[in-house]
Amino acid sequence: AFYTMAKLPVDSTERFQLYLLQEFEDNGETVMFAPGSGFYADPADGRSEIRIAYVHNCDYLRRAIQLVGKGVAAYNAKRGV
């Protein structure tokens, strides 16, 4: 498998992931990722990063990225950012 790390404009990708799974959906869909903090010796280093798996279906990857973007906007709006 291949992966990439992406930095997001959120306070905590762990809290953001919980928000996506518990509160967010777009057309009945949401997205799941691995928070980046688990991939660093010092977890604070990956607090605003996520690990994304490259998938074989480009349409799935495009949709996942779209959902992350919409989720970030909704999450930050809810927090007043």
PDB file of N, CA and C in Angstrom:
ATOM      1  N   ALA A   1       0.847  -1.189   0.000  1.00  0.00           N
ATOM      2  CA  ALA A   1       0.000   0.000   0.000  1.00  0.00           C
ATOM      3  C   ALA A   1       0.880   1.235   0.000  1.00  0.00           C
ATOM      4  N   PHE A   2       0.330   2.311  -0.525  1.00  0.00           N
ATOM      5  CA  PHE A   2       1.009   3.606  -0.540  1.00  0.00           C
ATOM      6  C   PHE A   2       0.169   4.610   0.232  1.00  0.00           C
ATOM      7  N   TYR A   3       0.859   5.493   0.940  1.00  0.00           N
ATOM      8  CA  TYR A   3       0.186   6.477   1.775  1.00  0.00           C
ATOM      9  C   TYR A   3       0.836   7.838   1.591  1.00  0.00           C
ATOM     10  N   THR A   4       0.088   8.863   1.942  1.00  0.00           N
ATOM     11  CA  THR A   4       0.636  10.218   1.999  1.00  0.00           C
ATOM     12  C   THR A   4       0.090  10.893   3.257  1.00  0.00           C
ATOM     13  N   MET A   5       0.844  11.834   3.767  1.00  0.00           N
ATOM     14  CA  MET A   5       0.399  12.632   4.905  1.00  0.00           C
ATOM     15  C   MET A   5      -0.042  13.989   4.372  1.00  0.00           C
ATOM     16  N   ALA A   6      -1.149  14.491   4.904  1.00  0.00           N
ATOM     17  CA  ALA A   6      -1.667  15.802   4.497  1.00  0.00           C
ATOM     18  C   ALA A   6      -1.966  16.625   5.735  1.00  0.00           C
ATOM     19  N   LYS A   7      -1.546  17.874   5.709  1.00  0.00           N
ATOM     20  CA  LYS A   7      -1.806  18.785   6.826  1.00  0.00           C
ATOM     21  C   LYS A   7      -3.137  19.481   6.583  1.00  0.00           C
ATOM     22  N   LEU A   8      -3.989  19.496   7.593  1.00  0.00           N
ATOM     23  CA  LEU A   8      -5.307  20.117   7.485  1.00  0.00           C
ATOM     24  C   LEU A   8      -5.402  21.336   8.398  1.00  0.00           C
ATOM     25  N   PRO A   9      -6.220  22.319   8.005  1.00  0.00           N
ATOM     26  CA  PRO A   9      -6.398  23.504   8.848  1.00  0.00           C
ATOM     27  C   PRO A   9      -7.442  23.250   9.941  1.00  0.00           C
ATOM     28  N   VAL A  10      -7.133  22.314  10.845  1.00  0.00           N
ATOM     29  CA  VAL A  10      -8.007  21.983  11.975  1.00  0.00           C
ATOM     30  C   VAL A  10      -7.166  21.960  13.236  1.00  0.00           C
ATOM     31  N   ASP A  11      -7.823  22.083  14.385  1.00  0.00           N
ATOM     32  CA  ASP A  11      -7.102  22.103  15.662  1.00  0.00           C
ATOM     33  C   ASP A  11      -6.570  20.731  16.052  1.00  0.00           C
ATOM     34  N   SER A  12      -7.290  19.688  15.694  1.00  0.00           N
ATOM     35  CA  SER A  12      -6.908  18.325  16.058  1.00  0.00           C
ATOM     36  C   SER A  12      -7.565  17.366  15.069  1.00  0.00           C
ATOM     37  N   THR A  13      -6.756  16.576  14.376  1.00  0.00           N
ATOM     38  CA  THR A  13      -7.344  15.628  13.422  1.00  0.00           C
ATOM     39  C   THR A  13      -8.085  14.509  14.149  1.00  0.00           C
ATOM     40  N   GLU A  14      -7.743  14.232  15.394  1.00  0.00           N
ATOM     41  CA  GLU A  14      -8.491  13.218  16.149  1.00  0.00           C
ATOM     42  C   GLU A  14      -9.908  13.723  16.433  1.00  0.00           C
ATOM     43  N   ARG A  15     -10.046  14.967  16.888  1.00  0.00           N
ATOM     44  CA  ARG A  15     -11.384  15.536  17.117  1.00  0.00           C
ATOM     45  C   ARG A  15     -12.140  15.693  15.793  1.00  0.00           C
ATOM     46  N   PHE A  16     -11.417  16.070  14.749  1.00  0.00           N
ATOM     47  CA  PHE A  16     -12.033  16.212  13.432  1.00  0.00           C
ATOM     48  C   PHE A  16     -12.566  14.869  12.936  1.00  0.00           C
ATOM     49  N   GLN A  17     -11.803  13.803  13.130  1.00  0.00           N
ATOM     50  CA  GLN A  17     -12.264  12.479  12.695  1.00  0.00           C
ATOM     51  C   GLN A  17     -13.539  12.072  13.432  1.00  0.00           C
ATOM     52  N   LEU A  18     -13.591  12.315  14.736  1.00  0.00           N
ATOM     53  CA  LEU A  18     -14.804  12.012  15.497  1.00  0.00           C
ATOM     54  C   LEU A  18     -15.990  12.817  14.978  1.00  0.00           C
ATOM     55  N   TYR A  19     -15.754  14.075  14.661  1.00  0.00           N
ATOM     56  CA  TYR A  19     -16.809  14.914  14.100  1.00  0.00           C
ATOM     57  C   TYR A  19     -17.324  14.310  12.792  1.00  0.00           C
ATOM     58  N   LEU A  20     -16.414  13.916  11.907  1.00  0.00           N
ATOM     59  CA  LEU A  20     -16.827  13.330  10.631  1.00  0.00           C
ATOM     60  C   LEU A  20     -17.669  12.080  10.832  1.00  0.00           C
ATOM     61  N   LEU A  21     -17.263  11.237  11.760  1.00  0.00           N
ATOM     62  CA  LEU A  21     -17.959   9.962  11.969  1.00  0.00           C
ATOM     63  C   LEU A  21     -19.269  10.118  12.728  1.00  0.00           C
ATOM     64  N   GLN A  22     -19.367  11.117  13.594  1.00  0.00           N
ATOM     65  CA  GLN A  22     -20.554  11.252  14.431  1.00  0.00           C
ATOM     66  C   GLN A  22     -21.555  12.295  13.947  1.00  0.00           C
ATOM     67  N   GLU A  23     -21.085  13.327  13.240  1.00  0.00           N
ATOM     68  CA  GLU A  23     -21.976  14.445  12.927  1.00  0.00           C
ATOM     69  C   GLU A  23     -22.050  14.838  11.457  1.00  0.00           C
ATOM     70  N   PHE A  24     -21.045  14.538  10.672  1.00  0.00           N
ATOM     71  CA  PHE A  24     -20.975  15.042   9.302  1.00  0.00           C
ATOM     72  C   PHE A  24     -21.401  13.996   8.286  1.00  0.00           C
ATOM     73  N   GLU A  25     -22.113  14.471   7.266  1.00  0.00           N
ATOM     74  CA  GLU A  25     -22.373  13.646   6.085  1.00  0.00           C
ATOM     75  C   GLU A  25     -22.699  14.559   4.919  1.00  0.00           C
ATOM     76  N   ASP A  26     -22.385  14.085   3.738  1.00  0.00           N
ATOM     77  CA  ASP A  26     -22.712  14.794   2.511  1.00  0.00           C
ATOM     78  C   ASP A  26     -23.324  13.760   1.574  1.00  0.00           C
ATOM     79  N   ASN A  27     -24.590  13.932   1.281  1.00  0.00           N
ATOM     80  CA  ASN A  27     -25.326  12.952   0.462  1.00  0.00           C
ATOM     81  C   ASN A  27     -25.234  11.542   1.051  1.00  0.00           C
ATOM     82  N   GLY A  28     -25.303  11.468   2.379  1.00  0.00           N
ATOM     83  CA  GLY A  28     -25.277  10.170   3.056  1.00  0.00           C
ATOM     84  C   GLY A  28     -23.898   9.551   3.185  1.00  0.00           C
ATOM     85  N   GLU A  29     -22.841  10.295   2.862  1.00  0.00           N
ATOM     86  CA  GLU A  29     -21.478   9.759   2.917  1.00  0.00           C
ATOM     87  C   GLU A  29     -20.617  10.576   3.876  1.00  0.00           C
ATOM     88  N   THR A  30     -19.623   9.917   4.429  1.00  0.00           N
ATOM     89  CA  THR A  30     -18.569  10.584   5.182  1.00  0.00           C
ATOM     90  C   THR A  30     -17.262   9.894   4.826  1.00  0.00           C
ATOM     91  N   VAL A  31     -16.209  10.210   5.518  1.00  0.00           N
ATOM     92  CA  VAL A  31     -14.899   9.654   5.186  1.00  0.00           C
ATOM     93  C   VAL A  31     -14.142   9.359   6.478  1.00  0.00           C
ATOM     94  N   MET A  32     -13.260   8.380   6.406  1.00  0.00           N
ATOM     95  CA  MET A  32     -12.455   7.997   7.567  1.00  0.00           C
ATOM     96  C   MET A  32     -10.986   8.007   7.160  1.00  0.00           C
ATOM     97  N   PHE A  33     -10.131   8.413   8.080  1.00  0.00           N
ATOM     98  CA  PHE A  33      -8.694   8.460   7.833  1.00  0.00           C
ATOM     99  C   PHE A  33      -7.978   8.109   9.127  1.00  0.00           C
ATOM    100  N   ALA A  34      -6.680   8.011   9.064  1.00  0.00           N
ATOM    101  CA  ALA A  34      -5.863   7.786  10.253  1.00  0.00           C
ATOM    102  C   ALA A  34      -5.260   9.119  10.679  1.00  0.00           C
ATOM    103  N   PRO A  35      -5.544   9.578  11.910  1.00  0.00           N
ATOM    104  CA  PRO A  35      -4.894  10.804  12.393  1.00  0.00           C
ATOM    105  C   PRO A  35      -3.371  10.641  12.363  1.00  0.00           C
ATOM    106  N   GLY A  36      -2.677  11.707  11.999  1.00  0.00           N
ATOM    107  CA  GLY A  36      -1.235  11.637  11.819  1.00  0.00           C
ATOM    108  C   GLY A  36      -0.421  11.450  13.078  1.00  0.00           C
ATOM    109  N   SER A  37      -0.972  11.785  14.224  1.00  0.00           N
ATOM    110  CA  SER A  37      -0.185  11.743  15.463  1.00  0.00           C
ATOM    111  C   SER A  37       0.370  10.357  15.779  1.00  0.00           C
ATOM    112  N   GLY A  38      -0.283   9.308  15.328  1.00  0.00           N
ATOM    113  CA  GLY A  38       0.186   7.949  15.596  1.00  0.00           C
ATOM    114  C   GLY A  38       1.401   7.538  14.785  1.00  0.00           C
ATOM    115  N   PHE A  39       1.837   8.373  13.861  1.00  0.00           N
ATOM    116  CA  PHE A  39       2.944   8.020  12.978  1.00  0.00           C
ATOM    117  C   PHE A  39       4.217   8.809  13.264  1.00  0.00           C
ATOM    118  N   TYR A  40       4.239   9.510  14.391  1.00  0.00           N
ATOM    119  CA  TYR A  40       5.402  10.299  14.790  1.00  0.00           C
ATOM    120  C   TYR A  40       5.867   9.865  16.176  1.00  0.00           C
ATOM    121  N   ALA A  41       7.173  10.002  16.434  1.00  0.00           N
ATOM    122  CA  ALA A  41       7.702   9.706  17.764  1.00  0.00           C
ATOM    123  C   ALA A  41       7.075  10.635  18.796  1.00  0.00           C
ATOM    124  N   ASP A  42       6.908  11.905  18.423  1.00  0.00           N
ATOM    125  CA  ASP A  42       6.233  12.880  19.281  1.00  0.00           C
ATOM    126  C   ASP A  42       4.860  13.132  18.663  1.00  0.00           C
ATOM    127  N   PRO A  43       3.783  12.625  19.255  1.00  0.00           N
ATOM    128  CA  PRO A  43       2.443  12.751  18.673  1.00  0.00           C
ATOM    129  C   PRO A  43       2.017  14.190  18.377  1.00  0.00           C
ATOM    130  N   ALA A  44       2.600  15.165  19.053  1.00  0.00           N
ATOM    131  CA  ALA A  44       2.253  16.560  18.791  1.00  0.00           C
ATOM    132  C   ALA A  44       2.645  16.970  17.370  1.00  0.00           C
ATOM    133  N   ASP A  45       3.639  16.283  16.812  1.00  0.00           N
ATOM    134  CA  ASP A  45       4.102  16.623  15.466  1.00  0.00           C
ATOM    135  C   ASP A  45       3.039  16.365  14.398  1.00  0.00           C
ATOM    136  N   GLY A  46       2.173  15.386  14.596  1.00  0.00           N
ATOM    137  CA  GLY A  46       1.176  15.062  13.585  1.00  0.00           C
ATOM    138  C   GLY A  46      -0.240  15.457  13.946  1.00  0.00           C
ATOM    139  N   ARG A  47      -0.397  16.344  14.906  1.00  0.00           N
ATOM    140  CA  ARG A  47      -1.721  16.701  15.404  1.00  0.00           C
ATOM    141  C   ARG A  47      -2.660  17.275  14.348  1.00  0.00           C
ATOM    142  N   SER A  48      -2.120  17.954  13.355  1.00  0.00           N
ATOM    143  CA  SER A  48      -2.973  18.533  12.318  1.00  0.00           C
ATOM    144  C   SER A  48      -2.824  17.811  10.975  1.00  0.00           C
ATOM    145  N   GLU A  49      -2.272  16.598  11.015  1.00  0.00           N
ATOM    146  CA  GLU A  49      -2.062  15.836   9.783  1.00  0.00           C
ATOM    147  C   GLU A  49      -2.903  14.568   9.767  1.00  0.00           C
ATOM    148  N   ILE A  50      -3.193  14.107   8.544  1.00  0.00           N
ATOM    149  CA  ILE A  50      -3.889  12.836   8.366  1.00  0.00           C
ATOM    150  C   ILE A  50      -3.077  11.965   7.417  1.00  0.00           C
ATOM    151  N   ARG A  51      -3.264  10.681   7.553  1.00  0.00           N
ATOM    152  CA  ARG A  51      -2.623   9.725   6.648  1.00  0.00           C
ATOM    153  C   ARG A  51      -3.694   9.218   5.689  1.00  0.00           C
ATOM    154  N   ILE A  52      -3.429   9.360   4.408  1.00  0.00           N
ATOM    155  CA  ILE A  52      -4.370   8.961   3.370  1.00  0.00           C
ATOM    156  C   ILE A  52      -3.785   7.786   2.594  1.00  0.00           C
ATOM    157  N   ALA A  53      -4.580   6.760   2.414  1.00  0.00           N
ATOM    158  CA  ALA A  53      -4.167   5.617   1.604  1.00  0.00           C
ATOM    159  C   ALA A  53      -4.503   5.890   0.144  1.00  0.00           C
ATOM    160  N   TYR A  54      -3.568   5.582  -0.735  1.00  0.00           N
ATOM    161  CA  TYR A  54      -3.866   5.648  -2.167  1.00  0.00           C
ATOM    162  C   TYR A  54      -4.715   4.434  -2.507  1.00  0.00           C
ATOM    163  N   VAL A  55      -5.833   4.660  -3.139  1.00  0.00           N
ATOM    164  CA  VAL A  55      -6.715   3.558  -3.530  1.00  0.00           C
ATOM    165  C   VAL A  55      -6.683   3.412  -5.040  1.00  0.00           C
ATOM    166  N   HIS A  56      -7.043   2.231  -5.507  1.00  0.00           N
ATOM    167  CA  HIS A  56      -6.973   1.948  -6.946  1.00  0.00           C
ATOM    168  C   HIS A  56      -8.036   2.686  -7.745  1.00  0.00           C
ATOM    169  N   ASN A  57      -9.145   2.982  -7.131  1.00  0.00           N
ATOM    170  CA  ASN A  57     -10.230   3.645  -7.835  1.00  0.00           C
ATOM    171  C   ASN A  57     -10.100   5.158  -7.645  1.00  0.00           C
ATOM    172  N   CYS A  58      -9.731   5.846  -8.694  1.00  0.00           N
ATOM    173  CA  CYS A  58      -9.508   7.295  -8.606  1.00  0.00           C
ATOM    174  C   CYS A  58     -10.783   8.046  -8.228  1.00  0.00           C
ATOM    175  N   ASP A  59     -11.951   7.551  -8.654  1.00  0.00           N
ATOM    176  CA  ASP A  59     -13.201   8.217  -8.295  1.00  0.00           C
ATOM    177  C   ASP A  59     -13.426   8.186  -6.788  1.00  0.00           C
ATOM    178  N   TYR A  60     -13.081   7.065  -6.127  1.00  0.00           N
ATOM    179  CA  TYR A  60     -13.217   6.971  -4.674  1.00  0.00           C
ATOM    180  C   TYR A  60     -12.281   7.963  -3.990  1.00  0.00           C
ATOM    181  N   LEU A  61     -11.059   8.061  -4.492  1.00  0.00           N
ATOM    182  CA  LEU A  61     -10.087   8.978  -3.888  1.00  0.00           C
ATOM    183  C   LEU A  61     -10.534  10.424  -4.078  1.00  0.00           C
ATOM    184  N   ARG A  62     -11.021  10.777  -5.252  1.00  0.00           N
ATOM    185  CA  ARG A  62     -11.514  12.136  -5.486  1.00  0.00           C
ATOM    186  C   ARG A  62     -12.668  12.468  -4.535  1.00  0.00           C
ATOM    187  N   ARG A  63     -13.587  11.520  -4.379  1.00  0.00           N
ATOM    188  CA  ARG A  63     -14.731  11.755  -3.491  1.00  0.00           C
ATOM    189  C   ARG A  63     -14.272  11.898  -2.049  1.00  0.00           C
ATOM    190  N   ALA A  64     -13.338  11.075  -1.629  1.00  0.00           N
ATOM    191  CA  ALA A  64     -12.822  11.161  -0.259  1.00  0.00           C
ATOM    192  C   ALA A  64     -12.192  12.525  -0.004  1.00  0.00           C
ATOM    193  N   ILE A  65     -11.419  13.013  -0.951  1.00  0.00           N
ATOM    194  CA  ILE A  65     -10.783  14.324  -0.800  1.00  0.00           C
ATOM    195  C   ILE A  65     -11.849  15.418  -0.759  1.00  0.00           C
ATOM    196  N   GLN A  66     -12.879  15.283  -1.587  1.00  0.00           N
ATOM    197  CA  GLN A  66     -13.985  16.243  -1.568  1.00  0.00           C
ATOM    198  C   GLN A  66     -14.674  16.245  -0.204  1.00  0.00           C
ATOM    199  N   LEU A  67     -14.908  15.053   0.347  1.00  0.00           N
ATOM    200  CA  LEU A  67     -15.557  14.949   1.653  1.00  0.00           C
ATOM    201  C   LEU A  67     -14.696  15.558   2.755  1.00  0.00           C
ATOM    202  N   VAL A  68     -13.388  15.334   2.704  1.00  0.00           N
ATOM    203  CA  VAL A  68     -12.497  15.939   3.699  1.00  0.00           C
ATOM    204  C   VAL A  68     -12.602  17.461   3.611  1.00  0.00           C
ATOM    205  N   GLY A  69     -12.572  18.013   2.405  1.00  0.00           N
ATOM    206  CA  GLY A  69     -12.673  19.461   2.237  1.00  0.00           C
ATOM    207  C   GLY A  69     -13.979  20.021   2.768  1.00  0.00           C
ATOM    208  N   LYS A  70     -15.085  19.378   2.423  1.00  0.00           N
ATOM    209  CA  LYS A  70     -16.383  19.829   2.924  1.00  0.00           C
ATOM    210  C   LYS A  70     -16.464  19.663   4.440  1.00  0.00           C
ATOM    211  N   GLY A  71     -15.889  18.582   4.936  1.00  0.00           N
ATOM    212  CA  GLY A  71     -15.888  18.333   6.373  1.00  0.00           C
ATOM    213  C   GLY A  71     -15.085  19.375   7.129  1.00  0.00           C
ATOM    214  N   VAL A  72     -13.922  19.754   6.613  1.00  0.00           N
ATOM    215  CA  VAL A  72     -13.098  20.792   7.249  1.00  0.00           C
ATOM    216  C   VAL A  72     -13.880  22.097   7.320  1.00  0.00           C
ATOM    217  N   ALA A  73     -14.537  22.470   6.222  1.00  0.00           N
ATOM    218  CA  ALA A  73     -15.307  23.717   6.204  1.00  0.00           C
ATOM    219  C   ALA A  73     -16.420  23.678   7.248  1.00  0.00           C
ATOM    220  N   ALA A  74     -17.164  22.572   7.317  1.00  0.00           N
ATOM    221  CA  ALA A  74     -18.265  22.451   8.270  1.00  0.00           C
ATOM    222  C   ALA A  74     -17.748  22.416   9.715  1.00  0.00           C
ATOM    223  N   TYR A  75     -16.660  21.690   9.945  1.00  0.00           N
ATOM    224  CA  TYR A  75     -16.071  21.576  11.287  1.00  0.00           C
ATOM    225  C   TYR A  75     -15.596  22.933  11.793  1.00  0.00           C
ATOM    226  N   ASN A  76     -14.867  23.653  10.947  1.00  0.00           N
ATOM    227  CA  ASN A  76     -14.358  24.961  11.368  1.00  0.00           C
ATOM    228  C   ASN A  76     -15.491  25.975  11.529  1.00  0.00           C
ATOM    229  N   ALA A  77     -16.515  25.897  10.696  1.00  0.00           N
ATOM    230  CA  ALA A  77     -17.662  26.798  10.832  1.00  0.00           C
ATOM    231  C   ALA A  77     -18.371  26.545  12.153  1.00  0.00           C
ATOM    232  N   LYS A  78     -18.506  25.298  12.521  1.00  0.00           N
ATOM    233  CA  LYS A  78     -19.156  24.933  13.784  1.00  0.00           C
ATOM    234  C   LYS A  78     -18.363  25.468  14.979  1.00  0.00           C
ATOM    235  N   ARG A  79     -17.056  25.475  14.856  1.00  0.00           N
ATOM    236  CA  ARG A  79     -16.177  25.942  15.932  1.00  0.00           C
ATOM    237  C   ARG A  79     -15.974  27.456  15.891  1.00  0.00           C
ATOM    238  N   GLY A  80     -16.505  28.117  14.864  1.00  0.00           N
ATOM    239  CA  GLY A  80     -16.359  29.563  14.749  1.00  0.00           C
ATOM    240  C   GLY A  80     -15.017  30.005  14.244  1.00  0.00           C
ATOM    241  N   VAL A  81     -14.349  29.144  13.493  1.00  0.00           N
ATOM    242  CA  VAL A  81     -13.014  29.468  12.968  1.00  0.00           C
ATOM    243  C   VAL A  81     -13.145  30.052  11.583  1.00  0.00           C
TER     244      VAL A  81
END
